[in-house]
Amino acid sequence: MEQVKKQRGKLQKVLREQKARLYIIRRCVVMLLCWND
């Protein structure tokens, strides 16, 4: 059971990092679009 819990924690960490990266990329895209105006 410990192994499963550890894996789930790793998955949560990866998901959080991906979400943060997506958020940053989205912010960059919005900035670029605003700049193009």
PDB file of N, CA and C in Angstrom:
ATOM      1  N   MET A   1       0.840  -1.219   0.000  1.00  0.00           N
ATOM      2  CA  MET A   1       0.000   0.000   0.000  1.00  0.00           C
ATOM      3  C   MET A   1       0.871   1.263   0.000  1.00  0.00           C
ATOM      4  N   GLU A   2       2.002   1.197   0.706  1.00  0.00           N
ATOM      5  CA  GLU A   2       2.888   2.366   0.762  1.00  0.00           C
ATOM      6  C   GLU A   2       3.365   2.758  -0.633  1.00  0.00           C
ATOM      7  N   GLN A   3       3.681   1.739  -1.425  1.00  0.00           N
ATOM      8  CA  GLN A   3       4.173   1.999  -2.784  1.00  0.00           C
ATOM      9  C   GLN A   3       3.135   2.786  -3.586  1.00  0.00           C
ATOM     10  N   VAL A   4       1.883   2.375  -3.475  1.00  0.00           N
ATOM     11  CA  VAL A   4       0.808   3.044  -4.219  1.00  0.00           C
ATOM     12  C   VAL A   4       0.689   4.499  -3.771  1.00  0.00           C
ATOM     13  N   LYS A   5       0.751   4.709  -2.464  1.00  0.00           N
ATOM     14  CA  LYS A   5       0.627   6.070  -1.924  1.00  0.00           C
ATOM     15  C   LYS A   5       1.764   6.944  -2.452  1.00  0.00           C
ATOM     16  N   LYS A   6       2.978   6.373  -2.493  1.00  0.00           N
ATOM     17  CA  LYS A   6       4.140   7.119  -2.972  1.00  0.00           C
ATOM     18  C   LYS A   6       3.965   7.484  -4.437  1.00  0.00           C
ATOM     19  N   GLN A   7       3.481   6.530  -5.232  1.00  0.00           N
ATOM     20  CA  GLN A   7       3.277   6.781  -6.663  1.00  0.00           C
ATOM     21  C   GLN A   7       2.240   7.872  -6.874  1.00  0.00           C
ATOM     22  N   ARG A   8       1.175   7.822  -6.083  1.00  0.00           N
ATOM     23  CA  ARG A   8       0.108   8.811  -6.228  1.00  0.00           C
ATOM     24  C   ARG A   8       0.657  10.205  -5.905  1.00  0.00           C
ATOM     25  N   GLY A   9       1.509  10.279  -4.881  1.00  0.00           N
ATOM     26  CA  GLY A   9       2.105  11.560  -4.509  1.00  0.00           C
ATOM     27  C   GLY A   9       2.948  12.096  -5.651  1.00  0.00           C
ATOM     28  N   LYS A  10       3.713  11.200  -6.300  1.00  0.00           N
ATOM     29  CA  LYS A  10       4.554  11.616  -7.426  1.00  0.00           C
ATOM     30  C   LYS A  10       3.684  12.134  -8.563  1.00  0.00           C
ATOM     31  N   LEU A  11       2.577  11.446  -8.814  1.00  0.00           N
ATOM     32  CA  LEU A  11       1.671  11.839  -9.898  1.00  0.00           C
ATOM     33  C   LEU A  11       1.096  13.225  -9.607  1.00  0.00           C
ATOM     34  N   GLN A  12       0.689  13.446  -8.355  1.00  0.00           N
ATOM     35  CA  GLN A  12       0.133  14.749  -7.969  1.00  0.00           C
ATOM     36  C   GLN A  12       1.158  15.850  -8.212  1.00  0.00           C
ATOM     37  N   LYS A  13       2.421  15.561  -7.866  1.00  0.00           N
ATOM     38  CA  LYS A  13       3.489  16.546  -8.045  1.00  0.00           C
ATOM     39  C   LYS A  13       3.660  16.878  -9.519  1.00  0.00           C
ATOM     40  N   VAL A  14       3.684  15.843 -10.355  1.00  0.00           N
ATOM     41  CA  VAL A  14       3.846  16.044 -11.798  1.00  0.00           C
ATOM     42  C   VAL A  14       2.682  16.854 -12.348  1.00  0.00           C
ATOM     43  N   LEU A  15       1.464  16.497 -11.928  1.00  0.00           N
ATOM     44  CA  LEU A  15       0.278  17.213 -12.403  1.00  0.00           C
ATOM     45  C   LEU A  15       0.343  18.683 -12.018  1.00  0.00           C
ATOM     46  N   ARG A  16       0.789  18.940 -10.776  1.00  0.00           N
ATOM     47  CA  ARG A  16       0.867  20.323 -10.306  1.00  0.00           C
ATOM     48  C   ARG A  16       1.877  21.099 -11.147  1.00  0.00           C
ATOM     49  N   GLU A  17       3.028  20.452 -11.449  1.00  0.00           N
ATOM     50  CA  GLU A  17       4.051  21.118 -12.265  1.00  0.00           C
ATOM     51  C   GLU A  17       3.518  21.409 -13.657  1.00  0.00           C
ATOM     52  N   GLN A  18       2.798  20.447 -14.226  1.00  0.00           N
ATOM     53  CA  GLN A  18       2.241  20.631 -15.573  1.00  0.00           C
ATOM     54  C   GLN A  18       1.238  21.778 -15.569  1.00  0.00           C
ATOM     55  N   LYS A  19       0.410  21.830 -14.527  1.00  0.00           N
ATOM     56  CA  LYS A  19      -0.598  22.881 -14.429  1.00  0.00           C
ATOM     57  C   LYS A  19       0.085  24.245 -14.344  1.00  0.00           C
ATOM     58  N   ALA A  20       1.150  24.318 -13.555  1.00  0.00           N
ATOM     59  CA  ALA A  20       1.889  25.578 -13.401  1.00  0.00           C
ATOM     60  C   ALA A  20       2.484  25.990 -14.737  1.00  0.00           C
ATOM     61  N   ARG A  21       3.063  25.014 -15.474  1.00  0.00           N
ATOM     62  CA  ARG A  21       3.676  25.307 -16.772  1.00  0.00           C
ATOM     63  C   ARG A  21       2.615  25.809 -17.745  1.00  0.00           C
ATOM     64  N   LEU A  22       1.464  25.149 -17.761  1.00  0.00           N
ATOM     65  CA  LEU A  22       0.372  25.558 -18.653  1.00  0.00           C
ATOM     66  C   LEU A  22      -0.067  26.975 -18.325  1.00  0.00           C
ATOM     67  N   TYR A  23      -0.169  27.268 -17.029  1.00  0.00           N
ATOM     68  CA  TYR A  23      -0.598  28.600 -16.586  1.00  0.00           C
ATOM     69  C   TYR A  23       0.389  29.659 -17.076  1.00  0.00           C
ATOM     70  N   ILE A  24       1.686  29.380 -16.927  1.00  0.00           N
ATOM     71  CA  ILE A  24       2.722  30.327 -17.364  1.00  0.00           C
ATOM     72  C   ILE A  24       2.658  30.525 -18.869  1.00  0.00           C
ATOM     73  N   ILE A  25       2.522  29.429 -19.619  1.00  0.00           N
ATOM     74  CA  ILE A  25       2.455  29.523 -21.083  1.00  0.00           C
ATOM     75  C   ILE A  25       1.245  30.352 -21.487  1.00  0.00           C
ATOM     76  N   ARG A  26       0.114  30.112 -20.827  1.00  0.00           N
ATOM     77  CA  ARG A  26      -1.104  30.855 -21.147  1.00  0.00           C
ATOM     78  C   ARG A  26      -0.886  32.346 -20.885  1.00  0.00           C
ATOM     79  N   ARG A  27      -0.229  32.666 -19.768  1.00  0.00           N
ATOM     80  CA  ARG A  27       0.042  34.072 -19.446  1.00  0.00           C
ATOM     81  C   ARG A  27       0.907  34.695 -20.539  1.00  0.00           C
ATOM     82  N   CYS A  28       1.919  33.952 -20.992  1.00  0.00           N
ATOM     83  CA  CYS A  28       2.816  34.455 -22.046  1.00  0.00           C
ATOM     84  C   CYS A  28       2.029  34.715 -23.328  1.00  0.00           C
ATOM     85  N   VAL A  29       1.139  33.798 -23.681  1.00  0.00           N
ATOM     86  CA  VAL A  29       0.340  33.950 -24.902  1.00  0.00           C
ATOM     87  C   VAL A  29      -0.534  35.192 -24.792  1.00  0.00           C
ATOM     88  N   VAL A  30      -1.169  35.376 -23.635  1.00  0.00           N
ATOM     89  CA  VAL A  30      -2.027  36.545 -23.432  1.00  0.00           C
ATOM     90  C   VAL A  30      -1.203  37.819 -23.559  1.00  0.00           C
ATOM     91  N   MET A  31      -0.010  37.820 -22.958  1.00  0.00           N
ATOM     92  CA  MET A  31       0.868  38.996 -23.032  1.00  0.00           C
ATOM     93  C   MET A  31       1.214  39.298 -24.483  1.00  0.00           C
ATOM     94  N   LEU A  32       1.564  38.257 -25.238  1.00  0.00           N
ATOM     95  CA  LEU A  32       1.924  38.443 -26.646  1.00  0.00           C
ATOM     96  C   LEU A  32       0.746  39.008 -27.429  1.00  0.00           C
ATOM     97  N   LEU A  33      -0.439  38.460 -27.200  1.00  0.00           N
ATOM     98  CA  LEU A  33      -1.629  38.942 -27.911  1.00  0.00           C
ATOM     99  C   LEU A  33      -1.893  40.408 -27.572  1.00  0.00           C
ATOM    100  N   CYS A  34      -1.740  40.754 -26.294  1.00  0.00           N
ATOM    101  CA  CYS A  34      -1.960  42.142 -25.879  1.00  0.00           C
ATOM    102  C   CYS A  34      -0.917  43.050 -26.523  1.00  0.00           C
ATOM    103  N   TRP A  35       0.319  42.577 -26.598  1.00  0.00           N
ATOM    104  CA  TRP A  35       1.393  43.382 -27.193  1.00  0.00           C
ATOM    105  C   TRP A  35       1.138  43.617 -28.675  1.00  0.00           C
ATOM    106  N   ASN A  36       0.589  42.605 -29.332  1.00  0.00           N
ATOM    107  CA  ASN A  36       0.325  42.733 -30.767  1.00  0.00           C
ATOM    108  C   ASN A  36      -0.737  43.785 -31.046  1.00  0.00           C
ATOM    109  N   ASP A  37      -1.591  44.036 -30.064  1.00  0.00           N
ATOM    110  CA  ASP A  37      -2.607  45.085 -30.202  1.00  0.00           C
ATOM    111  C   ASP A  37      -1.884  46.409 -30.215  1.00  0.00           C
TER     112      ASP A  37
END
